[in-house]
Amino acid sequence: MRRFWNPLFSEASLVAKPVRLAIMYIWLALAFMVSPSWADTGSDTLRIAYTEFPPIEYQNEQGEPAGIFIDLTRRVVEEAGYTPEFVYLPVSRIYLYLKSGVIDLWPGLSNIPSLQGEVLESWVNAYPVQLSVWYLETSQPLVHFDQLEGKTVIVIGGYTYGGLLAWLEASEDIRLTEAPNNRAALEMLKLNRGDYVLDYRQPIEEILTQPDDSMIRESELRSRYTAWLFSLANPRAALLREELDDAYLRLVSRGEAPPLRDFDSGFVIPGFPDGPR
């Protein structure tokens, strides 16, 4: 009978096998360390993303989460019986981590096209957010989208503006240029590197502090509203939404949270076909 050499029983493999087992255990340990927070189904900690969007949410000088929506989120999460763990991230990273389940939820804006099918939005909404067009006093106010033809619009990196960015990108007659943040967008406008800035009122009003900012004007575009966005990569997403919505309603009943309101998300400026989705 012919003998076949079996590497599993060779002298070298007998030495290497414990090493391979040790490596396997190390990899397993690392996998649990970097797994999403919901891997431990008994955990009461929720990983909550936030970004730079003052006064709604931002990181203060002490490196701590701050803002009116952050304060409300903390109260609602604790009322629901969970411990909040806030993670400061750029907007694009928040989208990625919501899709992968690295974070559980984000107190952000509703109706973000790139997150459709990736998140559950809360039934309740708390704060309106005004999207506006900003321009120099020497420019014409924007009263119709047709005025953007042949113009350069400055947009903020990572923002989708509830679908408006996709419409602008698809237009052959509108040029887009990107700014890394709100302050940079205003400076680009003052240097005539664009005709209009597309940005939200709240964060812009927070930084209109320089003397030459007085030359900047605003045209209201549309209203949006804030919501809690729960990662569908978390199998408990639907339960979390119900628990946090219920917690919010309890706070409202005690006068500890803003009352429920309906916000009109329609356009003020005409000319946008069908509105963004």
Protein backbone atom coordinates (compact mmCIF):
# COMPACT_ATOMS: atom_id res chain seq x y z
CA MET A 1 0.00 0.00 0.00
CA ARG A 2 1.35 3.39 -0.99
CA ARG A 3 1.81 5.89 1.81
CA PHE A 4 0.75 9.49 1.21
CA TRP A 5 2.44 12.31 3.06
CA ASN A 6 -0.09 14.24 5.08
CA PRO A 7 1.03 17.78 5.94
CA LEU A 8 -1.40 17.88 8.84
CA PHE A 9 0.74 15.32 10.67
CA SER A 10 4.17 16.50 9.63
CA GLU A 11 6.61 17.60 12.29
CA ALA A 12 6.54 21.18 11.03
CA SER A 13 2.77 21.31 11.08
CA LEU A 14 2.64 20.03 14.65
CA VAL A 15 4.69 23.05 15.62
CA ALA A 16 2.76 25.48 13.39
CA LYS A 17 -0.73 24.36 14.41
CA PRO A 18 -0.71 26.10 17.82
CA VAL A 19 0.55 29.23 16.07
CA ARG A 20 -2.28 29.09 13.53
CA LEU A 21 -4.81 28.64 16.34
CA ALA A 22 -3.37 31.60 18.20
CA ILE A 23 -3.61 33.76 15.07
CA MET A 24 -7.20 32.64 14.55
CA TYR A 25 -8.15 33.65 18.10
CA ILE A 26 -6.47 37.03 17.66
CA TRP A 27 -8.47 37.69 14.49
CA LEU A 28 -11.69 36.70 16.23
CA ALA A 29 -10.93 39.05 19.11
CA LEU A 30 -10.23 41.91 16.71
CA ALA A 31 -13.44 41.22 14.84
CA PHE A 32 -15.46 41.61 18.03
CA MET A 33 -13.58 44.77 18.93
CA VAL A 34 -14.42 46.54 15.65
CA SER A 35 -17.90 45.09 15.21
CA PRO A 36 -20.91 47.45 15.24
CA SER A 37 -22.30 48.41 18.62
CA TRP A 38 -25.36 46.21 18.13
CA ALA A 39 -23.19 43.05 18.09
CA ASP A 40 -23.73 42.96 21.85
CA THR A 41 -27.52 42.85 21.88
CA GLY A 42 -27.54 43.45 25.61
CA SER A 43 -25.69 46.76 25.37
CA ASP A 44 -27.61 49.90 26.30
CA THR A 45 -25.10 52.20 24.58
CA LEU A 46 -26.06 53.88 21.30
CA ARG A 47 -23.32 55.19 19.03
CA ILE A 48 -24.58 58.53 17.71
CA ALA A 49 -22.88 60.45 14.92
CA TYR A 50 -22.81 64.23 14.76
CA THR A 51 -21.13 66.76 12.50
CA GLU A 52 -20.35 70.46 12.16
CA PHE A 53 -23.72 72.15 11.64
CA PRO A 54 -24.08 74.93 14.24
CA PRO A 55 -26.24 75.71 16.08
CA ILE A 56 -28.03 72.41 15.35
CA GLU A 57 -25.01 70.22 16.14
CA TYR A 58 -21.28 70.86 16.39
CA GLN A 59 -18.14 70.19 18.42
CA ASN A 60 -17.44 72.88 21.01
CA GLU A 61 -14.05 74.27 22.05
CA GLN A 62 -13.69 71.52 24.63
CA GLY A 63 -14.10 68.86 21.93
CA GLU A 64 -17.55 67.90 23.22
CA PRO A 65 -20.81 67.43 21.28
CA ALA A 66 -23.03 70.50 21.46
CA GLY A 67 -26.02 72.11 19.78
CA ILE A 68 -29.79 72.25 20.25
CA PHE A 69 -30.41 68.96 18.44
CA ILE A 70 -27.60 67.23 20.32
CA ASP A 71 -29.06 68.37 23.64
CA LEU A 72 -32.48 67.08 22.63
CA THR A 73 -31.03 63.81 21.34
CA ARG A 74 -29.23 63.23 24.64
CA ARG A 75 -32.44 63.77 26.62
CA VAL A 76 -34.49 61.52 24.33
CA VAL A 77 -31.91 58.70 24.31
CA GLU A 78 -31.60 58.77 28.09
CA GLU A 79 -35.39 58.90 28.48
CA ALA A 80 -35.55 55.77 26.30
CA GLY A 81 -33.17 54.01 28.70
CA TYR A 82 -29.99 54.15 26.65
CA THR A 83 -26.56 55.71 27.11
CA PRO A 84 -25.49 58.02 24.27
CA GLU A 85 -21.97 57.76 22.85
CA PHE A 86 -21.39 60.65 20.44
CA VAL A 87 -18.92 60.31 17.56
CA TYR A 88 -17.78 63.42 15.66
CA LEU A 89 -17.54 62.75 11.90
CA PRO A 90 -17.65 64.53 8.54
CA VAL A 91 -20.96 64.18 6.72
CA SER A 92 -19.65 61.77 4.08
CA ARG A 93 -18.30 59.45 6.78
CA ILE A 94 -21.64 59.55 8.57
CA TYR A 95 -23.37 58.30 5.43
CA LEU A 96 -20.84 55.47 5.12
CA TYR A 97 -21.11 54.43 8.76
CA LEU A 98 -24.91 54.50 8.72
CA LYS A 99 -24.88 52.15 5.75
CA SER A 100 -22.41 49.76 7.39
CA GLY A 101 -23.91 49.90 10.89
CA VAL A 102 -20.79 51.26 12.60
CA ILE A 103 -23.04 53.93 14.11
CA ASP A 104 -26.61 53.38 15.30
CA LEU A 105 -28.17 56.71 14.48
CA TRP A 106 -27.61 60.28 13.39
CA PRO A 107 -29.59 63.38 14.37
CA GLY A 108 -29.57 64.83 10.88
CA LEU A 109 -31.84 65.96 8.06
CA SER A 110 -34.67 63.98 6.50
CA ASN A 111 -35.04 62.78 2.89
CA ILE A 112 -31.37 62.29 1.97
CA PRO A 113 -31.39 60.50 -1.41
CA SER A 114 -28.14 58.57 -0.90
CA LEU A 115 -29.52 57.09 2.35
CA GLN A 116 -32.80 55.86 0.90
CA GLY A 117 -33.18 52.18 1.84
CA GLU A 118 -30.28 52.46 4.28
CA VAL A 119 -31.97 54.18 7.24
CA LEU A 120 -35.27 54.51 9.05
CA GLU A 121 -36.32 58.08 9.83
CA SER A 122 -38.07 58.99 13.05
CA TRP A 123 -41.77 59.72 12.81
CA VAL A 124 -41.32 62.91 14.78
CA ASN A 125 -39.38 66.01 13.81
CA ALA A 126 -38.27 68.80 16.05
CA TYR A 127 -36.50 71.66 14.31
CA PRO A 128 -37.02 73.32 10.91
CA VAL A 129 -33.92 74.06 8.84
CA GLN A 130 -33.98 76.75 6.16
CA LEU A 131 -32.06 76.16 2.92
CA SER A 132 -31.12 79.43 1.25
CA VAL A 133 -29.13 80.93 -1.61
CA TRP A 134 -26.50 83.50 -0.61
CA TYR A 135 -25.04 86.18 -2.90
CA LEU A 136 -23.29 89.54 -2.86
CA GLU A 137 -25.31 92.76 -2.64
CA THR A 138 -24.13 93.67 -6.14
CA SER A 139 -25.82 90.54 -7.59
CA GLN A 140 -29.47 90.01 -8.46
CA PRO A 141 -31.63 88.24 -5.88
CA LEU A 142 -32.57 84.73 -6.93
CA VAL A 143 -36.31 84.59 -7.64
CA HIS A 144 -36.38 81.73 -10.20
CA PHE A 145 -34.12 78.76 -10.88
CA ASP A 146 -33.70 79.87 -14.49
CA GLN A 147 -31.42 82.62 -13.19
CA LEU A 148 -28.80 79.96 -12.38
CA GLU A 149 -28.20 79.25 -16.08
CA GLY A 150 -24.68 80.27 -16.96
CA LYS A 151 -23.83 80.88 -13.30
CA THR A 152 -21.44 79.22 -10.87
CA VAL A 153 -22.97 77.84 -7.68
CA ILE A 154 -20.75 77.16 -4.66
CA VAL A 155 -21.79 74.05 -2.72
CA ILE A 156 -20.49 72.54 0.52
CA GLY A 157 -18.60 69.26 0.25
CA GLY A 158 -20.66 66.31 1.51
CA TYR A 159 -24.03 68.08 1.31
CA THR A 160 -26.74 66.72 -1.01
CA TYR A 161 -29.35 69.39 -0.17
CA GLY A 162 -32.14 66.85 -0.17
CA GLY A 163 -31.65 65.93 -3.83
CA LEU A 164 -31.05 69.43 -5.16
CA LEU A 165 -27.35 68.76 -5.74
CA ALA A 166 -28.14 65.93 -8.16
CA TRP A 167 -30.43 68.22 -10.15
CA LEU A 168 -27.74 70.90 -10.33
CA GLU A 169 -25.11 68.37 -11.41
CA ALA A 170 -27.39 67.15 -14.19
CA SER A 171 -27.85 70.65 -15.57
CA GLU A 172 -25.60 71.48 -18.52
CA ASP A 173 -25.97 75.24 -17.99
CA ILE A 174 -25.02 75.47 -14.31
CA ARG A 175 -21.43 75.24 -13.08
CA LEU A 176 -20.65 73.90 -9.63
CA THR A 177 -17.62 74.48 -7.45
CA GLU A 178 -17.11 72.89 -4.03
CA ALA A 179 -16.08 74.51 -0.76
CA PRO A 180 -14.81 72.47 2.20
CA ASN A 181 -16.95 74.32 4.74
CA ASN A 182 -19.34 77.23 5.29
CA ARG A 183 -16.70 79.87 5.97
CA ALA A 184 -14.70 78.90 2.90
CA ALA A 185 -17.86 79.12 0.78
CA LEU A 186 -18.47 82.72 1.85
CA GLU A 187 -14.86 83.69 1.21
CA MET A 188 -15.05 82.13 -2.27
CA LEU A 189 -18.19 84.17 -2.91
CA LYS A 190 -16.48 87.41 -1.86
CA LEU A 191 -13.56 86.58 -4.16
CA ASN A 192 -16.03 86.17 -7.05
CA ARG A 193 -15.21 82.48 -7.44
CA GLY A 194 -18.94 81.82 -7.65
CA ASP A 195 -22.18 83.71 -8.11
CA TYR A 196 -24.25 82.03 -5.44
CA VAL A 197 -23.66 79.90 -2.33
CA LEU A 198 -26.13 77.13 -1.59
CA ASP A 199 -26.22 76.63 2.18
CA TYR A 200 -28.45 76.44 5.23
CA ARG A 201 -29.41 79.55 7.15
CA GLN A 202 -28.53 78.39 10.66
CA PRO A 203 -24.82 77.62 10.15
CA ILE A 204 -24.32 80.67 7.91
CA GLU A 205 -25.87 83.04 10.44
CA GLU A 206 -23.48 81.66 13.06
CA ILE A 207 -20.42 82.83 11.09
CA LEU A 208 -21.60 86.17 9.64
CA THR A 209 -19.29 88.01 12.03
CA GLN A 210 -16.65 89.64 9.80
CA PRO A 211 -17.10 93.30 8.73
CA ASP A 212 -17.24 92.51 5.01
CA ASP A 213 -19.90 89.86 5.62
CA SER A 214 -22.39 92.74 5.57
CA MET A 215 -22.31 92.63 1.76
CA ILE A 216 -23.87 89.14 1.72
CA ARG A 217 -27.59 88.75 1.03
CA GLU A 218 -30.02 85.81 1.27
CA SER A 219 -32.88 84.39 -0.77
CA GLU A 220 -34.97 81.70 0.93
CA LEU A 221 -35.11 78.48 -1.06
CA ARG A 222 -36.96 75.78 0.85
CA SER A 223 -37.59 74.43 4.34
CA ARG A 224 -36.36 71.08 5.55
CA TYR A 225 -36.61 69.42 8.93
CA THR A 226 -34.45 67.45 11.28
CA ALA A 227 -35.01 63.78 12.10
CA TRP A 228 -33.30 60.87 13.78
CA LEU A 229 -31.90 58.49 11.17
CA PHE A 230 -31.49 54.89 12.34
CA SER A 231 -29.10 52.53 10.56
CA LEU A 232 -30.94 49.62 8.92
CA ALA A 233 -27.74 47.60 9.31
CA ASN A 234 -28.76 47.41 12.95
CA PRO A 235 -31.41 44.66 13.27
CA ARG A 236 -33.00 46.65 16.11
CA ALA A 237 -33.52 49.79 13.98
CA ALA A 238 -37.33 49.63 13.97
CA LEU A 239 -37.45 49.00 17.72
CA LEU A 240 -35.04 51.87 18.40
CA ARG A 241 -37.17 54.22 16.32
CA GLU A 242 -40.29 53.31 18.26
CA GLU A 243 -38.52 53.62 21.60
CA LEU A 244 -37.01 57.03 20.82
CA ASP A 245 -40.21 58.39 19.28
CA ASP A 246 -42.13 57.30 22.39
CA ALA A 247 -39.47 58.86 24.62
CA TYR A 248 -39.75 62.12 22.69
CA LEU A 249 -43.53 62.17 23.12
CA ARG A 250 -43.15 61.61 26.86
CA LEU A 251 -40.78 64.59 27.05
CA VAL A 252 -43.25 66.71 25.07
CA SER A 253 -46.07 65.75 27.46
CA ARG A 254 -43.93 66.97 30.35
CA GLY A 255 -42.99 70.20 28.59
CA GLU A 256 -39.34 69.14 28.29
CA ALA A 257 -39.14 69.01 24.46
CA PRO A 258 -40.45 71.11 21.56
CA PRO A 259 -44.02 70.20 20.54
CA LEU A 260 -44.74 68.24 17.39
CA ARG A 261 -44.99 70.49 14.34
CA ASP A 262 -45.63 70.10 10.64
CA PHE A 263 -43.12 71.77 8.36
CA ASP A 264 -43.75 72.80 4.79
CA SER A 265 -40.85 71.51 2.71
CA GLY A 266 -42.06 73.18 -0.50
CA PHE A 267 -39.96 75.50 -2.60
CA VAL A 268 -40.16 79.26 -2.24
CA ILE A 269 -38.31 79.87 -5.50
CA PRO A 270 -40.11 78.46 -8.57
CA GLY A 271 -38.53 76.64 -11.47
CA PHE A 272 -37.40 73.41 -9.86
CA PRO A 273 -39.08 70.53 -11.73
CA ASP A 274 -41.12 68.33 -9.36
CA GLY A 275 -38.91 69.12 -6.37
CA PRO A 276 -36.12 66.86 -5.08
CA ARG A 277 -36.72 63.38 -3.74
